[in-house]
PDB file of all heavy atoms in Angstrom:
ATOM      1  N   TYR A   1      46.182  23.884 115.038  1.00  0.00           N
ATOM      2  CA  TYR A   1      46.211  25.020 115.919  1.00  0.00           C
ATOM      3  C   TYR A   1      46.163  26.320 115.078  1.00  0.00           C
ATOM      4  O   TYR A   1      47.123  26.666 114.372  1.00  0.00           O
ATOM      5  CB  TYR A   1      47.459  24.996 116.792  1.00  0.00           C
ATOM      6  CG  TYR A   1      47.615  26.181 117.776  1.00  0.00           C
ATOM      7  CD1 TYR A   1      46.546  26.703 118.399  1.00  0.00           C
ATOM      8  CD2 TYR A   1      48.892  26.662 118.015  1.00  0.00           C
ATOM      9  CE1 TYR A   1      46.707  27.739 119.343  1.00  0.00           C
ATOM     10  CE2 TYR A   1      49.070  27.752 118.933  1.00  0.00           C
ATOM     11  CZ  TYR A   1      47.978  28.228 119.596  1.00  0.00           C
ATOM     12  OH  TYR A   1      48.157  29.257 120.474  1.00  0.00           O
ATOM     13  N   ALA A   2      45.001  26.893 115.026  1.00  0.00           N
ATOM     14  CA  ALA A   2      44.727  28.064 114.145  1.00  0.00           C
ATOM     15  C   ALA A   2      44.833  29.387 114.911  1.00  0.00           C
ATOM     16  O   ALA A   2      44.546  29.476 116.065  1.00  0.00           O
ATOM     17  CB  ALA A   2      43.396  27.957 113.506  1.00  0.00           C
ATOM     18  N   GLY A   3      45.230  30.418 114.170  1.00  0.00           N
ATOM     19  CA  GLY A   3      45.266  31.758 114.696  1.00  0.00           C
ATOM     20  C   GLY A   3      45.824  32.721 113.649  1.00  0.00           C
ATOM     21  O   GLY A   3      46.290  32.313 112.629  1.00  0.00           O
ATOM     22  N   SER A   4      45.703  34.003 113.998  1.00  0.00           N
ATOM     23  CA  SER A   4      46.326  35.018 113.119  1.00  0.00           C
ATOM     24  C   SER A   4      47.765  35.156 113.463  1.00  0.00           C
ATOM     25  O   SER A   4      48.587  35.516 112.623  1.00  0.00           O
ATOM     26  CB  SER A   4      45.628  36.388 113.241  1.00  0.00           C
ATOM     27  OG  SER A   4      45.643  36.788 114.576  1.00  0.00           O
ATOM     28  N   PHE A   5      48.190  34.807 114.689  1.00  0.00           N
ATOM     29  CA  PHE A   5      49.555  34.850 115.168  1.00  0.00           C
ATOM     30  C   PHE A   5      50.238  36.112 114.680  1.00  0.00           C
ATOM     31  O   PHE A   5      51.324  36.120 114.105  1.00  0.00           O
ATOM     32  CB  PHE A   5      50.346  33.628 114.671  1.00  0.00           C
ATOM     33  CG  PHE A   5      49.700  32.305 115.109  1.00  0.00           C
ATOM     34  CD1 PHE A   5      49.080  31.475 114.184  1.00  0.00           C
ATOM     35  CD2 PHE A   5      49.616  31.971 116.418  1.00  0.00           C
ATOM     36  CE1 PHE A   5      48.497  30.301 114.558  1.00  0.00           C
ATOM     37  CE2 PHE A   5      49.013  30.779 116.850  1.00  0.00           C
ATOM     38  CZ  PHE A   5      48.410  29.962 115.907  1.00  0.00           C
ATOM     39  N   ASP A   6      49.606  37.255 115.060  1.00  0.00           N
ATOM     40  CA  ASP A   6      50.034  38.525 114.556  1.00  0.00           C
ATOM     41  C   ASP A   6      50.344  39.505 115.698  1.00  0.00           C
ATOM     42  O   ASP A   6      49.619  40.472 115.955  1.00  0.00           O
ATOM     43  CB  ASP A   6      48.865  39.126 113.658  1.00  0.00           C
ATOM     44  CG  ASP A   6      49.320  40.288 112.840  1.00  0.00           C
ATOM     45  OD1 ASP A   6      50.511  40.446 112.535  1.00  0.00           O
ATOM     46  OD2 ASP A   6      48.457  41.078 112.490  1.00  0.00           O
ATOM     47  N   PRO A   7      51.446  39.238 116.412  1.00  0.00           N
ATOM     48  CA  PRO A   7      52.493  38.272 116.186  1.00  0.00           C
ATOM     49  C   PRO A   7      52.347  37.009 117.062  1.00  0.00           C
ATOM     50  O   PRO A   7      51.536  36.967 117.949  1.00  0.00           O
ATOM     51  CB  PRO A   7      53.763  39.045 116.624  1.00  0.00           C
ATOM     52  CG  PRO A   7      53.309  39.868 117.734  1.00  0.00           C
ATOM     53  CD  PRO A   7      51.903  40.297 117.358  1.00  0.00           C
ATOM     54  N   PHE A   8      53.182  36.013 116.738  1.00  0.00           N
ATOM     55  CA  PHE A   8      53.308  34.760 117.478  1.00  0.00           C
ATOM     56  C   PHE A   8      53.961  35.095 118.792  1.00  0.00           C
ATOM     57  O   PHE A   8      55.050  35.693 118.812  1.00  0.00           O
ATOM     58  CB  PHE A   8      54.116  33.792 116.658  1.00  0.00           C
ATOM     59  CG  PHE A   8      54.205  32.376 117.192  1.00  0.00           C
ATOM     60  CD1 PHE A   8      53.167  31.517 116.998  1.00  0.00           C
ATOM     61  CD2 PHE A   8      55.356  31.943 117.856  1.00  0.00           C
ATOM     62  CE1 PHE A   8      53.242  30.185 117.450  1.00  0.00           C
ATOM     63  CE2 PHE A   8      55.431  30.697 118.353  1.00  0.00           C
ATOM     64  CZ  PHE A   8      54.403  29.798 118.113  1.00  0.00           C
ATOM     65  N   THR A   9      53.333  34.654 119.922  1.00  0.00           N
ATOM     66  CA  THR A   9      53.846  35.026 121.257  1.00  0.00           C
ATOM     67  C   THR A   9      54.374  33.822 122.005  1.00  0.00           C
ATOM     68  O   THR A   9      54.232  32.689 121.547  1.00  0.00           O
ATOM     69  CB  THR A   9      52.707  35.654 122.099  1.00  0.00           C
ATOM     70  OG1 THR A   9      51.729  34.640 122.367  1.00  0.00           O
ATOM     71  CG2 THR A   9      52.082  36.833 121.422  1.00  0.00           C
ATOM     72  N   GLU A  10      54.933  34.062 123.155  1.00  0.00           N
ATOM     73  CA  GLU A  10      55.394  32.976 124.030  1.00  0.00           C
ATOM     74  C   GLU A  10      54.240  32.141 124.487  1.00  0.00           C
ATOM     75  O   GLU A  10      54.396  30.935 124.681  1.00  0.00           O
ATOM     76  CB  GLU A  10      56.173  33.504 125.251  1.00  0.00           C
ATOM     77  CG  GLU A  10      57.559  34.072 124.866  1.00  0.00           C
ATOM     78  CD  GLU A  10      58.618  33.032 124.505  1.00  0.00           C
ATOM     79  OE1 GLU A  10      58.352  31.830 124.712  1.00  0.00           O
ATOM     80  OE2 GLU A  10      59.616  33.427 123.984  1.00  0.00           O
ATOM     81  N   GLY A  11      53.047  32.689 124.639  1.00  0.00           N
ATOM     82  CA  GLY A  11      51.866  31.980 124.999  1.00  0.00           C
ATOM     83  C   GLY A  11      51.508  31.010 123.919  1.00  0.00           C
ATOM     84  O   GLY A  11      51.139  29.857 124.163  1.00  0.00           O
ATOM     85  N   HIS A  12      51.558  31.456 122.633  1.00  0.00           N
ATOM     86  CA  HIS A  12      51.333  30.583 121.509  1.00  0.00           C
ATOM     87  C   HIS A  12      52.372  29.401 121.499  1.00  0.00           C
ATOM     88  O   HIS A  12      51.973  28.268 121.304  1.00  0.00           O
ATOM     89  CB  HIS A  12      51.457  31.304 120.147  1.00  0.00           C
ATOM     90  CG  HIS A  12      50.446  32.353 119.960  1.00  0.00           C
ATOM     91  ND1 HIS A  12      50.704  33.655 119.490  1.00  0.00           N
ATOM     92  CD2 HIS A  12      49.108  32.346 120.122  1.00  0.00           C
ATOM     93  CE1 HIS A  12      49.605  34.302 119.404  1.00  0.00           C
ATOM     94  NE2 HIS A  12      48.605  33.568 119.753  1.00  0.00           N
ATOM     95  N   LEU A  13      53.619  29.708 121.756  1.00  0.00           N
ATOM     96  CA  LEU A  13      54.634  28.710 121.776  1.00  0.00           C
ATOM     97  C   LEU A  13      54.404  27.697 122.892  1.00  0.00           C
ATOM     98  O   LEU A  13      54.561  26.458 122.638  1.00  0.00           O
ATOM     99  CB  LEU A  13      56.005  29.366 121.946  1.00  0.00           C
ATOM    100  CG  LEU A  13      57.220  28.400 121.987  1.00  0.00           C
ATOM    101  CD1 LEU A  13      57.261  27.507 120.760  1.00  0.00           C
ATOM    102  CD2 LEU A  13      58.500  29.154 122.197  1.00  0.00           C
ATOM    103  N   HIS A  14      53.941  28.116 123.987  1.00  0.00           N
ATOM    104  CA  HIS A  14      53.629  27.226 125.130  1.00  0.00           C
ATOM    105  C   HIS A  14      52.505  26.251 124.694  1.00  0.00           C
ATOM    106  O   HIS A  14      52.611  25.041 124.956  1.00  0.00           O
ATOM    107  CB  HIS A  14      53.155  27.973 126.360  1.00  0.00           C
ATOM    108  CG  HIS A  14      52.783  27.080 127.448  1.00  0.00           C
ATOM    109  ND1 HIS A  14      53.708  26.533 128.334  1.00  0.00           N
ATOM    110  CD2 HIS A  14      51.580  26.637 127.879  1.00  0.00           C
ATOM    111  CE1 HIS A  14      53.108  25.780 129.222  1.00  0.00           C
ATOM    112  NE2 HIS A  14      51.781  25.853 128.949  1.00  0.00           N
ATOM    113  N   VAL A  15      51.528  26.731 124.018  1.00  0.00           N
ATOM    114  CA  VAL A  15      50.441  25.879 123.523  1.00  0.00           C
ATOM    115  C   VAL A  15      50.957  24.857 122.491  1.00  0.00           C
ATOM    116  O   VAL A  15      50.657  23.622 122.596  1.00  0.00           O
ATOM    117  CB  VAL A  15      49.260  26.699 122.890  1.00  0.00           C
ATOM    118  CG1 VAL A  15      48.275  25.803 122.179  1.00  0.00           C
ATOM    119  CG2 VAL A  15      48.563  27.552 123.941  1.00  0.00           C
ATOM    120  N   VAL A  16      51.821  25.294 121.614  1.00  0.00           N
ATOM    121  CA  VAL A  16      52.372  24.417 120.588  1.00  0.00           C
ATOM    122  C   VAL A  16      53.263  23.312 121.250  1.00  0.00           C
ATOM    123  O   VAL A  16      53.094  22.131 120.901  1.00  0.00           O
ATOM    124  CB  VAL A  16      53.230  25.229 119.562  1.00  0.00           C
ATOM    125  CG1 VAL A  16      54.045  24.261 118.668  1.00  0.00           C
ATOM    126  CG2 VAL A  16      52.370  26.087 118.733  1.00  0.00           C
ATOM    127  N   LYS A  17      54.045  23.703 122.199  1.00  0.00           N
ATOM    128  CA  LYS A  17      54.932  22.706 122.855  1.00  0.00           C
ATOM    129  C   LYS A  17      54.090  21.662 123.612  1.00  0.00           C
ATOM    130  O   LYS A  17      54.387  20.469 123.526  1.00  0.00           O
ATOM    131  CB  LYS A  17      55.836  23.357 123.896  1.00  0.00           C
ATOM    132  CG  LYS A  17      57.012  24.122 123.314  1.00  0.00           C
ATOM    133  CD  LYS A  17      57.791  24.765 124.465  1.00  0.00           C
ATOM    134  CE  LYS A  17      59.064  25.386 124.017  1.00  0.00           C
ATOM    135  NZ  LYS A  17      59.776  25.953 125.159  1.00  0.00           N
ATOM    136  N   THR A  18      53.051  22.086 124.240  1.00  0.00           N
ATOM    137  CA  THR A  18      52.168  21.167 124.985  1.00  0.00           C
ATOM    138  C   THR A  18      51.454  20.270 123.989  1.00  0.00           C
ATOM    139  O   THR A  18      51.389  19.018 124.174  1.00  0.00           O
ATOM    140  CB  THR A  18      51.174  21.971 125.843  1.00  0.00           C
ATOM    141  OG1 THR A  18      51.885  22.792 126.749  1.00  0.00           O
ATOM    142  CG2 THR A  18      50.270  20.968 126.627  1.00  0.00           C
ATOM    143  N   ALA A  19      50.925  20.856 122.969  1.00  0.00           N
ATOM    144  CA  ALA A  19      50.150  20.052 121.952  1.00  0.00           C
ATOM    145  C   ALA A  19      51.046  19.077 121.252  1.00  0.00           C
ATOM    146  O   ALA A  19      50.613  17.942 120.941  1.00  0.00           O
ATOM    147  CB  ALA A  19      49.556  20.986 120.919  1.00  0.00           C
ATOM    148  N   ALA A  20      52.331  19.415 121.029  1.00  0.00           N
ATOM    149  CA  ALA A  20      53.295  18.566 120.367  1.00  0.00           C
ATOM    150  C   ALA A  20      53.557  17.309 121.192  1.00  0.00           C
ATOM    151  O   ALA A  20      53.988  16.288 120.629  1.00  0.00           O
ATOM    152  CB  ALA A  20      54.588  19.298 120.046  1.00  0.00           C
ATOM    153  N   GLY A  21      53.340  17.387 122.493  1.00  0.00           N
ATOM    154  CA  GLY A  21      53.493  16.241 123.347  1.00  0.00           C
ATOM    155  C   GLY A  21      52.287  15.344 123.395  1.00  0.00           C
ATOM    156  O   GLY A  21      52.337  14.235 123.884  1.00  0.00           O
ATOM    157  N   ILE A  22      51.164  15.884 122.960  1.00  0.00           N
ATOM    158  CA  ILE A  22      49.858  15.169 123.012  1.00  0.00           C
ATOM    159  C   ILE A  22      49.550  14.442 121.681  1.00  0.00           C
ATOM    160  O   ILE A  22      49.047  13.384 121.595  1.00  0.00           O
ATOM    161  CB  ILE A  22      48.703  16.106 123.389  1.00  0.00           C
ATOM    162  CG1 ILE A  22      48.941  16.705 124.794  1.00  0.00           C
ATOM    163  CG2 ILE A  22      47.366  15.460 123.238  1.00  0.00           C
ATOM    164  CD1 ILE A  22      47.976  17.844 125.136  1.00  0.00           C
ATOM    165  N   CYS A  23      49.906  15.150 120.570  1.00  0.00           N
ATOM    166  CA  CYS A  23      49.569  14.686 119.222  1.00  0.00           C
ATOM    167  C   CYS A  23      50.849  14.225 118.522  1.00  0.00           C
ATOM    168  O   CYS A  23      51.946  14.736 118.824  1.00  0.00           O
ATOM    169  CB  CYS A  23      48.906  15.765 118.422  1.00  0.00           C
ATOM    170  SG  CYS A  23      47.330  16.408 119.078  1.00  0.00           S
ATOM    171  N   GLU A  24      50.685  13.316 117.579  1.00  0.00           N
ATOM    172  CA  GLU A  24      51.830  12.898 116.780  1.00  0.00           C
ATOM    173  C   GLU A  24      52.313  14.007 115.830  1.00  0.00           C
ATOM    174  O   GLU A  24      53.487  14.041 115.501  1.00  0.00           O
ATOM    175  CB  GLU A  24      51.448  11.644 115.988  1.00  0.00           C
ATOM    176  CG  GLU A  24      51.369  10.362 116.848  1.00  0.00           C
ATOM    177  CD  GLU A  24      49.993  10.275 117.560  1.00  0.00           C
ATOM    178  OE1 GLU A  24      49.044  11.011 117.238  1.00  0.00           O
ATOM    179  OE2 GLU A  24      49.908   9.402 118.435  1.00  0.00           O
ATOM    180  N   LYS A  25      51.370  14.836 115.409  1.00  0.00           N
ATOM    181  CA  LYS A  25      51.678  15.918 114.496  1.00  0.00           C
ATOM    182  C   LYS A  25      50.836  17.101 114.815  1.00  0.00           C
ATOM    183  O   LYS A  25      49.665  16.979 115.181  1.00  0.00           O
ATOM    184  CB  LYS A  25      51.447  15.475 113.033  1.00  0.00           C
ATOM    185  CG  LYS A  25      51.765  16.543 111.992  1.00  0.00           C
ATOM    186  CD  LYS A  25      51.512  15.998 110.572  1.00  0.00           C
ATOM    187  CE  LYS A  25      51.758  17.077 109.555  1.00  0.00           C
ATOM    188  NZ  LYS A  25      51.437  16.572 108.180  1.00  0.00           N
ATOM    189  N   ILE A  26      51.404  18.288 114.744  1.00  0.00           N
ATOM    190  CA  ILE A  26      50.709  19.567 114.891  1.00  0.00           C
ATOM    191  C   ILE A  26      50.855  20.391 113.662  1.00  0.00           C
ATOM    192  O   ILE A  26      51.956  20.523 113.113  1.00  0.00           O
ATOM    193  CB  ILE A  26      51.220  20.369 116.150  1.00  0.00           C
ATOM    194  CG1 ILE A  26      51.048  19.581 117.424  1.00  0.00           C
ATOM    195  CG2 ILE A  26      50.513  21.741 116.244  1.00  0.00           C
ATOM    196  CD1 ILE A  26      49.606  19.296 117.837  1.00  0.00           C
ATOM    197  N   VAL A  27      49.708  20.964 113.189  1.00  0.00           N
ATOM    198  CA  VAL A  27      49.799  21.876 112.088  1.00  0.00           C
ATOM    199  C   VAL A  27      49.395  23.230 112.649  1.00  0.00           C
ATOM    200  O   VAL A  27      48.268  23.385 113.168  1.00  0.00           O
ATOM    201  CB  VAL A  27      48.796  21.484 110.941  1.00  0.00           C
ATOM    202  CG1 VAL A  27      48.827  22.506 109.809  1.00  0.00           C
ATOM    203  CG2 VAL A  27      49.132  20.077 110.427  1.00  0.00           C
ATOM    204  N   ILE A  28      50.264  24.222 112.586  1.00  0.00           N
ATOM    205  CA  ILE A  28      49.941  25.595 112.954  1.00  0.00           C
ATOM    206  C   ILE A  28      49.377  26.241 111.699  1.00  0.00           C
ATOM    207  O   ILE A  28      50.070  26.306 110.669  1.00  0.00           O
ATOM    208  CB  ILE A  28      51.167  26.392 113.416  1.00  0.00           C
ATOM    209  CG1 ILE A  28      51.773  25.741 114.689  1.00  0.00           C
ATOM    210  CG2 ILE A  28      50.813  27.833 113.664  1.00  0.00           C
ATOM    211  CD1 ILE A  28      53.100  26.396 115.141  1.00  0.00           C
ATOM    212  N   GLY A  29      48.128  26.666 111.787  1.00  0.00           N
ATOM    213  CA  GLY A  29      47.465  27.293 110.632  1.00  0.00           C
ATOM    214  C   GLY A  29      47.394  28.803 110.823  1.00  0.00           C
ATOM    215  O   GLY A  29      46.684  29.292 111.720  1.00  0.00           O
ATOM    216  N   ILE A  30      48.111  29.531 109.987  1.00  0.00           N
ATOM    217  CA  ILE A  30      48.034  31.004 110.085  1.00  0.00           C
ATOM    218  C   ILE A  30      46.919  31.427 109.177  1.00  0.00           C
ATOM    219  O   ILE A  30      47.003  31.352 107.901  1.00  0.00           O
ATOM    220  CB  ILE A  30      49.366  31.678 109.648  1.00  0.00           C
ATOM    221  CG1 ILE A  30      50.534  31.197 110.507  1.00  0.00           C
ATOM    222  CG2 ILE A  30      49.248  33.217 109.720  1.00  0.00           C
ATOM    223  CD1 ILE A  30      51.879  31.694 110.077  1.00  0.00           C
ATOM    224  N   GLY A  31      45.820  31.935 109.750  1.00  0.00           N
ATOM    225  CA  GLY A  31      44.703  32.351 108.964  1.00  0.00           C
ATOM    226  C   GLY A  31      44.485  33.913 109.045  1.00  0.00           C
ATOM    227  O   GLY A  31      45.144  34.599 109.798  1.00  0.00           O
ATOM    228  N   ILE A  32      43.593  34.305 108.262  1.00  0.00           N
ATOM    229  CA  ILE A  32      43.206  35.706 108.250  1.00  0.00           C
ATOM    230  C   ILE A  32      42.006  35.890 109.136  1.00  0.00           C
ATOM    231  O   ILE A  32      40.976  35.258 108.928  1.00  0.00           O
ATOM    232  CB  ILE A  32      42.850  36.219 106.789  1.00  0.00           C
ATOM    233  CG1 ILE A  32      44.087  36.029 105.857  1.00  0.00           C
ATOM    234  CG2 ILE A  32      42.424  37.677 106.802  1.00  0.00           C
ATOM    235  CD1 ILE A  32      45.264  36.856 106.164  1.00  0.00           C
ATOM    236  N   ASN A  33      42.100  36.772 110.135  1.00  0.00           N
ATOM    237  CA  ASN A  33      40.998  37.067 111.012  1.00  0.00           C
ATOM    238  C   ASN A  33      40.333  38.362 110.395  1.00  0.00           C
ATOM    239  O   ASN A  33      40.973  39.426 110.479  1.00  0.00           O
ATOM    240  CB  ASN A  33      41.445  37.324 112.424  1.00  0.00           C
ATOM    241  CG  ASN A  33      40.274  37.643 113.376  1.00  0.00           C
ATOM    242  OD1 ASN A  33      39.191  38.003 112.945  1.00  0.00           O
ATOM    243  ND2 ASN A  33      40.504  37.419 114.649  1.00  0.00           N
ATOM    244  N   PRO A  34      39.136  38.242 109.824  1.00  0.00           N
ATOM    245  CA  PRO A  34      38.525  39.424 109.256  1.00  0.00           C
ATOM    246  C   PRO A  34      38.234  40.569 110.207  1.00  0.00           C
ATOM    247  O   PRO A  34      37.997  41.695 109.826  1.00  0.00           O
ATOM    248  CB  PRO A  34      37.207  38.890 108.615  1.00  0.00           C
ATOM    249  CG  PRO A  34      36.942  37.578 109.296  1.00  0.00           C
ATOM    250  CD  PRO A  34      38.295  37.043 109.765  1.00  0.00           C
ATOM    251  N   ASN A  35      38.233  40.237 111.522  1.00  0.00           N
ATOM    252  CA  ASN A  35      38.009  41.318 112.552  1.00  0.00           C
ATOM    253  C   ASN A  35      39.275  42.003 112.994  1.00  0.00           C
ATOM    254  O   ASN A  35      39.251  42.911 113.763  1.00  0.00           O
ATOM    255  CB  ASN A  35      37.323  40.633 113.764  1.00  0.00           C
ATOM    256  CG  ASN A  35      36.006  40.011 113.450  1.00  0.00           C
ATOM    257  OD1 ASN A  35      35.257  40.566 112.681  1.00  0.00           O
ATOM    258  ND2 ASN A  35      35.796  38.849 113.999  1.00  0.00           N
ATOM    259  N   LYS A  36      40.450  41.522 112.457  1.00  0.00           N
ATOM    260  CA  LYS A  36      41.708  42.150 112.821  1.00  0.00           C
ATOM    261  C   LYS A  36      42.347  42.620 111.548  1.00  0.00           C
ATOM    262  O   LYS A  36      42.303  41.962 110.519  1.00  0.00           O
ATOM    263  CB  LYS A  36      42.673  41.141 113.460  1.00  0.00           C
ATOM    264  CG  LYS A  36      42.305  40.759 114.879  1.00  0.00           C
ATOM    265  CD  LYS A  36      43.386  39.807 115.413  1.00  0.00           C
ATOM    266  CE  LYS A  36      43.105  39.375 116.813  1.00  0.00           C
ATOM    267  NZ  LYS A  36      44.173  38.466 117.293  1.00  0.00           N
ATOM    268  N   VAL A  37      42.992  43.795 111.630  1.00  0.00           N
ATOM    269  CA  VAL A  37      43.795  44.244 110.472  1.00  0.00           C
ATOM    270  C   VAL A  37      45.169  43.643 110.661  1.00  0.00           C
ATOM    271  O   VAL A  37      45.787  43.756 111.691  1.00  0.00           O
ATOM    272  CB  VAL A  37      43.904  45.767 110.501  1.00  0.00           C
ATOM    273  CG1 VAL A  37      44.809  46.283 109.398  1.00  0.00           C
ATOM    274  CG2 VAL A  37      42.519  46.429 110.399  1.00  0.00           C
ATOM    275  N   GLY A  38      45.612  42.887 109.649  1.00  0.00           N
ATOM    276  CA  GLY A  38      46.897  42.247 109.709  1.00  0.00           C
ATOM    277  C   GLY A  38      47.989  43.263 109.829  1.00  0.00           C
ATOM    278  O   GLY A  38      48.086  44.198 109.071  1.00  0.00           O
TER     279      GLY A  38
END
């Protein structure tokens, strides 16, 4: 699950919780979005 998470929101958390029930493991990847200033 990739994103800039700048900041991490309740919507992001909802996605993570749901995904954690579907997959055996979830990796949240904090990446740099070149279109956004961090």
